[in-house]
Amino acid sequence: MHMLSSFTFANRLLDRQSFAADETGAVTVDWVVLCALVVALTVLALQMMTTGTTGLTDSTASYMTDMVKN
């Protein structure tokens, strides 16, 4: 069965009009792009949060150090 589906796909590749009109897999491509966008935005958000919390932590540590010295 797998050999038959490969043969059918090869025939579609050879028939350019059929291949150009075939929309099989278009939804998969849409989902891959959507998931990649969600992952990229999540990574960007985490990077921004890490930068912000690191700055806040440094400021808090500096403030507490100054309070202990005085």
PDB file of N, CA and C in Angstrom:
ATOM      1  N   MET A   1       0.832  -1.186   0.000  1.00  0.00           N
ATOM      2  CA  MET A   1       0.000   0.000   0.000  1.00  0.00           C
ATOM      3  C   MET A   1       0.875   1.249   0.000  1.00  0.00           C
ATOM      4  N   HIS A   2       1.938   1.234   0.780  1.00  0.00           N
ATOM      5  CA  HIS A   2       2.826   2.388   0.846  1.00  0.00           C
ATOM      6  C   HIS A   2       3.495   2.627  -0.503  1.00  0.00           C
ATOM      7  N   MET A   3       3.871   1.557  -1.180  1.00  0.00           N
ATOM      8  CA  MET A   3       4.493   1.674  -2.491  1.00  0.00           C
ATOM      9  C   MET A   3       3.517   2.297  -3.484  1.00  0.00           C
ATOM     10  N   LEU A   4       2.249   1.938  -3.362  1.00  0.00           N
ATOM     11  CA  LEU A   4       1.232   2.464  -4.260  1.00  0.00           C
ATOM     12  C   LEU A   4       1.049   3.966  -4.057  1.00  0.00           C
ATOM     13  N   SER A   5       1.027   4.421  -2.801  1.00  0.00           N
ATOM     14  CA  SER A   5       0.860   5.846  -2.540  1.00  0.00           C
ATOM     15  C   SER A   5       2.072   6.631  -3.031  1.00  0.00           C
ATOM     16  N   SER A   6       3.273   6.079  -2.931  1.00  0.00           N
ATOM     17  CA  SER A   6       4.460   6.743  -3.448  1.00  0.00           C
ATOM     18  C   SER A   6       4.404   6.847  -4.958  1.00  0.00           C
ATOM     19  N   PHE A   7       3.912   5.791  -5.588  1.00  0.00           N
ATOM     20  CA  PHE A   7       3.779   5.785  -7.037  1.00  0.00           C
ATOM     21  C   PHE A   7       2.771   6.843  -7.482  1.00  0.00           C
ATOM     22  N   THR A   8       1.654   6.960  -6.762  1.00  0.00           N
ATOM     23  CA  THR A   8       0.638   7.958  -7.083  1.00  0.00           C
ATOM     24  C   THR A   8       1.202   9.362  -6.910  1.00  0.00           C
ATOM     25  N   PHE A   9       1.959   9.589  -5.863  1.00  0.00           N
ATOM     26  CA  PHE A   9       2.570  10.896  -5.632  1.00  0.00           C
ATOM     27  C   PHE A   9       3.563  11.225  -6.741  1.00  0.00           C
ATOM     28  N   ALA A  10       4.334  10.250  -7.159  1.00  0.00           N
ATOM     29  CA  ALA A  10       5.287  10.466  -8.249  1.00  0.00           C
ATOM     30  C   ALA A  10       4.555  10.831  -9.531  1.00  0.00           C
ATOM     31  N   ASN A  11       3.437  10.188  -9.795  1.00  0.00           N
ATOM     32  CA  ASN A  11       2.652  10.537 -10.984  1.00  0.00           C
ATOM     33  C   ASN A  11       2.116  11.959 -10.892  1.00  0.00           C
ATOM     34  N   ARG A  12       1.720  12.392  -9.718  1.00  0.00           N
ATOM     35  CA  ARG A  12       1.244  13.769  -9.545  1.00  0.00           C
ATOM     36  C   ARG A  12       2.367  14.765  -9.786  1.00  0.00           C
ATOM     37  N   LEU A  13       3.554  14.443  -9.339  1.00  0.00           N
ATOM     38  CA  LEU A  13       4.682  15.334  -9.580  1.00  0.00           C
ATOM     39  C   LEU A  13       4.951  15.483 -11.067  1.00  0.00           C
ATOM     40  N   LEU A  14       4.774  14.404 -11.801  1.00  0.00           N
ATOM     41  CA  LEU A  14       5.007  14.452 -13.236  1.00  0.00           C
ATOM     42  C   LEU A  14       3.911  15.230 -13.950  1.00  0.00           C
ATOM     43  N   ASP A  15       2.698  15.176 -13.439  1.00  0.00           N
ATOM     44  CA  ASP A  15       1.592  15.924 -14.029  1.00  0.00           C
ATOM     45  C   ASP A  15       1.510  17.277 -13.321  1.00  0.00           C
ATOM     46  N   ARG A  16       2.112  18.290 -13.877  1.00  0.00           N
ATOM     47  CA  ARG A  16       2.263  19.588 -13.200  1.00  0.00           C
ATOM     48  C   ARG A  16       0.938  20.271 -12.892  1.00  0.00           C
ATOM     49  N   GLN A  17      -0.029  20.179 -13.755  1.00  0.00           N
ATOM     50  CA  GLN A  17      -1.317  20.815 -13.496  1.00  0.00           C
ATOM     51  C   GLN A  17      -1.994  20.191 -12.284  1.00  0.00           C
ATOM     52  N   SER A  18      -1.961  18.887 -12.205  1.00  0.00           N
ATOM     53  CA  SER A  18      -2.558  18.201 -11.067  1.00  0.00           C
ATOM     54  C   SER A  18      -1.817  18.550  -9.784  1.00  0.00           C
ATOM     55  N   PHE A  19      -0.497  18.607  -9.867  1.00  0.00           N
ATOM     56  CA  PHE A  19       0.307  18.921  -8.678  1.00  0.00           C
ATOM     57  C   PHE A  19       0.057  20.351  -8.206  1.00  0.00           C
ATOM     58  N   ALA A  20      -0.048  21.298  -9.127  1.00  0.00           N
ATOM     59  CA  ALA A  20      -0.277  22.696  -8.766  1.00  0.00           C
ATOM     60  C   ALA A  20      -1.662  22.903  -8.163  1.00  0.00           C
ATOM     61  N   ALA A  21      -2.636  22.136  -8.610  1.00  0.00           N
ATOM     62  CA  ALA A  21      -4.001  22.280  -8.114  1.00  0.00           C
ATOM     63  C   ALA A  21      -4.229  21.527  -6.809  1.00  0.00           C
ATOM     64  N   ASP A  22      -3.363  20.600  -6.481  1.00  0.00           N
ATOM     65  CA  ASP A  22      -3.526  19.780  -5.282  1.00  0.00           C
ATOM     66  C   ASP A  22      -3.221  20.603  -4.036  1.00  0.00           C
ATOM     67  N   GLU A  23      -4.162  20.631  -3.096  1.00  0.00           N
ATOM     68  CA  GLU A  23      -3.975  21.404  -1.868  1.00  0.00           C
ATOM     69  C   GLU A  23      -3.747  20.503  -0.660  1.00  0.00           C
ATOM     70  N   THR A  24      -3.401  19.254  -0.895  1.00  0.00           N
ATOM     71  CA  THR A  24      -3.133  18.330   0.191  1.00  0.00           C
ATOM     72  C   THR A  24      -1.911  18.812   0.968  1.00  0.00           C
ATOM     73  N   GLY A  25      -2.048  18.923   2.260  1.00  0.00           N
ATOM     74  CA  GLY A  25      -0.929  19.353   3.095  1.00  0.00           C
ATOM     75  C   GLY A  25      -0.921  20.841   3.378  1.00  0.00           C
ATOM     76  N   ALA A  26      -1.803  21.614   2.743  1.00  0.00           N
ATOM     77  CA  ALA A  26      -1.816  23.056   2.966  1.00  0.00           C
ATOM     78  C   ALA A  26      -2.185  23.384   4.410  1.00  0.00           C
ATOM     79  N   VAL A  27      -3.113  22.635   4.978  1.00  0.00           N
ATOM     80  CA  VAL A  27      -3.519  22.864   6.365  1.00  0.00           C
ATOM     81  C   VAL A  27      -2.359  22.545   7.304  1.00  0.00           C
ATOM     82  N   THR A  28      -1.600  21.524   6.984  1.00  0.00           N
ATOM     83  CA  THR A  28      -0.438  21.166   7.802  1.00  0.00           C
ATOM     84  C   THR A  28       0.575  22.293   7.804  1.00  0.00           C
ATOM     85  N   VAL A  29       0.807  22.877   6.654  1.00  0.00           N
ATOM     86  CA  VAL A  29       1.747  24.004   6.567  1.00  0.00           C
ATOM     87  C   VAL A  29       1.235  25.171   7.399  1.00  0.00           C
ATOM     88  N   ASP A  30      -0.056  25.443   7.339  1.00  0.00           N
ATOM     89  CA  ASP A  30      -0.636  26.522   8.147  1.00  0.00           C
ATOM     90  C   ASP A  30      -0.408  26.282   9.632  1.00  0.00           C
ATOM     91  N   TRP A  31      -0.632  25.041  10.087  1.00  0.00           N
ATOM     92  CA  TRP A  31      -0.446  24.717  11.502  1.00  0.00           C
ATOM     93  C   TRP A  31       1.017  24.816  11.912  1.00  0.00           C
ATOM     94  N   VAL A  32       1.913  24.411  11.047  1.00  0.00           N
ATOM     95  CA  VAL A  32       3.344  24.498  11.369  1.00  0.00           C
ATOM     96  C   VAL A  32       3.753  25.954  11.516  1.00  0.00           C
ATOM     97  N   VAL A  33       3.290  26.801  10.617  1.00  0.00           N
ATOM     98  CA  VAL A  33       3.620  28.229  10.700  1.00  0.00           C
ATOM     99  C   VAL A  33       3.011  28.835  11.954  1.00  0.00           C
ATOM    100  N   LEU A  34       1.774  28.489  12.254  1.00  0.00           N
ATOM    101  CA  LEU A  34       1.112  29.011  13.450  1.00  0.00           C
ATOM    102  C   LEU A  34       1.831  28.574  14.722  1.00  0.00           C
ATOM    103  N   CYS A  35       2.202  27.313  14.804  1.00  0.00           N
ATOM    104  CA  CYS A  35       2.919  26.810  15.983  1.00  0.00           C
ATOM    105  C   CYS A  35       4.299  27.457  16.114  1.00  0.00           C
ATOM    106  N   ALA A  36       4.976  27.648  14.999  1.00  0.00           N
ATOM    107  CA  ALA A  36       6.285  28.312  15.039  1.00  0.00           C
ATOM    108  C   ALA A  36       6.139  29.745  15.533  1.00  0.00           C
ATOM    109  N   LEU A  37       5.085  30.424  15.128  1.00  0.00           N
ATOM    110  CA  LEU A  37       4.837  31.791  15.588  1.00  0.00           C
ATOM    111  C   LEU A  37       4.567  31.822  17.092  1.00  0.00           C
ATOM    112  N   VAL A  38       3.774  30.891  17.571  1.00  0.00           N
ATOM    113  CA  VAL A  38       3.478  30.826  19.015  1.00  0.00           C
ATOM    114  C   VAL A  38       4.758  30.558  19.808  1.00  0.00           C
ATOM    115  N   VAL A  39       5.583  29.645  19.336  1.00  0.00           N
ATOM    116  CA  VAL A  39       6.847  29.340  20.021  1.00  0.00           C
ATOM    117  C   VAL A  39       7.762  30.566  20.009  1.00  0.00           C
ATOM    118  N   ALA A  40       7.857  31.240  18.881  1.00  0.00           N
ATOM    119  CA  ALA A  40       8.721  32.421  18.791  1.00  0.00           C
ATOM    120  C   ALA A  40       8.246  33.530  19.727  1.00  0.00           C
ATOM    121  N   LEU A  41       6.947  33.758  19.780  1.00  0.00           N
ATOM    122  CA  LEU A  41       6.422  34.786  20.684  1.00  0.00           C
ATOM    123  C   LEU A  41       6.625  34.404  22.145  1.00  0.00           C
ATOM    124  N   THR A  42       6.503  33.135  22.472  1.00  0.00           N
ATOM    125  CA  THR A  42       6.742  32.685  23.840  1.00  0.00           C
ATOM    126  C   THR A  42       8.197  32.883  24.236  1.00  0.00           C
ATOM    127  N   VAL A  43       9.100  32.530  23.344  1.00  0.00           N
ATOM    128  CA  VAL A  43      10.525  32.723  23.635  1.00  0.00           C
ATOM    129  C   VAL A  43      10.827  34.203  23.803  1.00  0.00           C
ATOM    130  N   LEU A  44      10.257  35.046  22.949  1.00  0.00           N
ATOM    131  CA  LEU A  44      10.474  36.487  23.062  1.00  0.00           C
ATOM    132  C   LEU A  44       9.938  37.029  24.386  1.00  0.00           C
ATOM    133  N   ALA A  45       8.744  36.584  24.769  1.00  0.00           N
ATOM    134  CA  ALA A  45       8.158  37.034  26.037  1.00  0.00           C
ATOM    135  C   ALA A  45       9.003  36.586  27.226  1.00  0.00           C
ATOM    136  N   LEU A  46       9.474  35.346  27.199  1.00  0.00           N
ATOM    137  CA  LEU A  46      10.321  34.868  28.301  1.00  0.00           C
ATOM    138  C   LEU A  46      11.645  35.622  28.358  1.00  0.00           C
ATOM    139  N   GLN A  47      12.202  35.945  27.206  1.00  0.00           N
ATOM    140  CA  GLN A  47      13.452  36.706  27.174  1.00  0.00           C
ATOM    141  C   GLN A  47      13.250  38.090  27.780  1.00  0.00           C
ATOM    142  N   MET A  48      12.142  38.731  27.430  1.00  0.00           N
ATOM    143  CA  MET A  48      11.859  40.060  27.978  1.00  0.00           C
ATOM    144  C   MET A  48      11.622  39.991  29.482  1.00  0.00           C
ATOM    145  N   MET A  49      10.915  38.948  29.934  1.00  0.00           N
ATOM    146  CA  MET A  49      10.668  38.805  31.365  1.00  0.00           C
ATOM    147  C   MET A  49      11.965  38.531  32.118  1.00  0.00           C
ATOM    148  N   THR A  50      12.851  37.744  31.541  1.00  0.00           N
ATOM    149  CA  THR A  50      14.129  37.439  32.186  1.00  0.00           C
ATOM    150  C   THR A  50      14.962  38.697  32.337  1.00  0.00           C
ATOM    151  N   THR A  51      14.994  39.503  31.284  1.00  0.00           N
ATOM    152  CA  THR A  51      15.758  40.754  31.339  1.00  0.00           C
ATOM    153  C   THR A  51      15.187  41.679  32.408  1.00  0.00           C
ATOM    154  N   GLY A  52      13.870  41.801  32.460  1.00  0.00           N
ATOM    155  CA  GLY A  52      13.230  42.671  33.448  1.00  0.00           C
ATOM    156  C   GLY A  52      13.428  42.190  34.872  1.00  0.00           C
ATOM    157  N   THR A  53      13.290  40.901  35.105  1.00  0.00           N
ATOM    158  CA  THR A  53      13.435  40.396  36.465  1.00  0.00           C
ATOM    159  C   THR A  53      14.890  40.430  36.927  1.00  0.00           C
ATOM    160  N   THR A  54      15.831  40.257  35.986  1.00  0.00           N
ATOM    161  CA  THR A  54      17.248  40.353  36.362  1.00  0.00           C
ATOM    162  C   THR A  54      17.583  41.775  36.814  1.00  0.00           C
ATOM    163  N   GLY A  55      17.071  42.757  36.091  1.00  0.00           N
ATOM    164  CA  GLY A  55      17.297  44.155  36.480  1.00  0.00           C
ATOM    165  C   GLY A  55      16.674  44.471  37.823  1.00  0.00           C
ATOM    166  N   LEU A  56      15.463  43.982  38.047  1.00  0.00           N
ATOM    167  CA  LEU A  56      14.782  44.215  39.322  1.00  0.00           C
ATOM    168  C   LEU A  56      15.519  43.526  40.468  1.00  0.00           C
ATOM    169  N   THR A  57      15.995  42.325  40.239  1.00  0.00           N
ATOM    170  CA  THR A  57      16.735  41.591  41.265  1.00  0.00           C
ATOM    171  C   THR A  57      18.034  42.311  41.620  1.00  0.00           C
ATOM    172  N   ASP A  58      18.728  42.796  40.615  1.00  0.00           N
ATOM    173  CA  ASP A  58      19.974  43.537  40.868  1.00  0.00           C
ATOM    174  C   ASP A  58      19.705  44.811  41.665  1.00  0.00           C
ATOM    175  N   SER A  59      18.642  45.511  41.314  1.00  0.00           N
ATOM    176  CA  SER A  59      18.297  46.736  42.042  1.00  0.00           C
ATOM    177  C   SER A  59      17.926  46.422  43.489  1.00  0.00           C
ATOM    178  N   THR A  60      17.167  45.372  43.706  1.00  0.00           N
ATOM    179  CA  THR A  60      16.767  44.984  45.055  1.00  0.00           C
ATOM    180  C   THR A  60      17.979  44.566  45.879  1.00  0.00           C
ATOM    181  N   ALA A  61      18.882  43.802  45.284  1.00  0.00           N
ATOM    182  CA  ALA A  61      20.093  43.377  45.993  1.00  0.00           C
ATOM    183  C   ALA A  61      20.956  44.569  46.358  1.00  0.00           C
ATOM    184  N   SER A  62      21.068  45.526  45.451  1.00  0.00           N
ATOM    185  CA  SER A  62      21.857  46.733  45.733  1.00  0.00           C
ATOM    186  C   SER A  62      21.227  47.536  46.872  1.00  0.00           C
ATOM    187  N   TYR A  63      19.918  47.671  46.848  1.00  0.00           N
ATOM    188  CA  TYR A  63      19.220  48.402  47.900  1.00  0.00           C
ATOM    189  C   TYR A  63      19.404  47.725  49.254  1.00  0.00           C
ATOM    190  N   MET A  64      19.263  46.405  49.279  1.00  0.00           N
ATOM    191  CA  MET A  64      19.400  45.691  50.537  1.00  0.00           C
ATOM    192  C   MET A  64      20.841  45.749  51.063  1.00  0.00           C
ATOM    193  N   THR A  65      21.820  45.699  50.161  1.00  0.00           N
ATOM    194  CA  THR A  65      23.217  45.807  50.564  1.00  0.00           C
ATOM    195  C   THR A  65      23.482  47.186  51.181  1.00  0.00           C
ATOM    196  N   ASP A  66      22.939  48.227  50.542  1.00  0.00           N
ATOM    197  CA  ASP A  66      23.113  49.574  51.093  1.00  0.00           C
ATOM    198  C   ASP A  66      22.450  49.718  52.459  1.00  0.00           C
ATOM    199  N   MET A  67      21.319  49.067  52.661  1.00  0.00           N
ATOM    200  CA  MET A  67      20.614  49.168  53.947  1.00  0.00           C
ATOM    201  C   MET A  67      21.394  48.445  55.050  1.00  0.00           C
ATOM    202  N   VAL A  68      22.067  47.331  54.704  1.00  0.00           N
ATOM    203  CA  VAL A  68      22.829  46.588  55.704  1.00  0.00           C
ATOM    204  C   VAL A  68      24.067  47.364  56.101  1.00  0.00           C
ATOM    205  N   LYS A  69      24.705  48.029  55.147  1.00  0.00           N
ATOM    206  CA  LYS A  69      25.928  48.784  55.436  1.00  0.00           C
ATOM    207  C   LYS A  69      25.659  49.983  56.322  1.00  0.00           C
ATOM    208  N   ASN A  70      24.468  50.548  56.222  1.00  0.00           N
ATOM    209  CA  ASN A  70      24.168  51.748  57.021  1.00  0.00           C
ATOM    210  C   ASN A  70      23.634  51.356  58.326  1.00  0.00           C
TER     211      ASN A  70
END
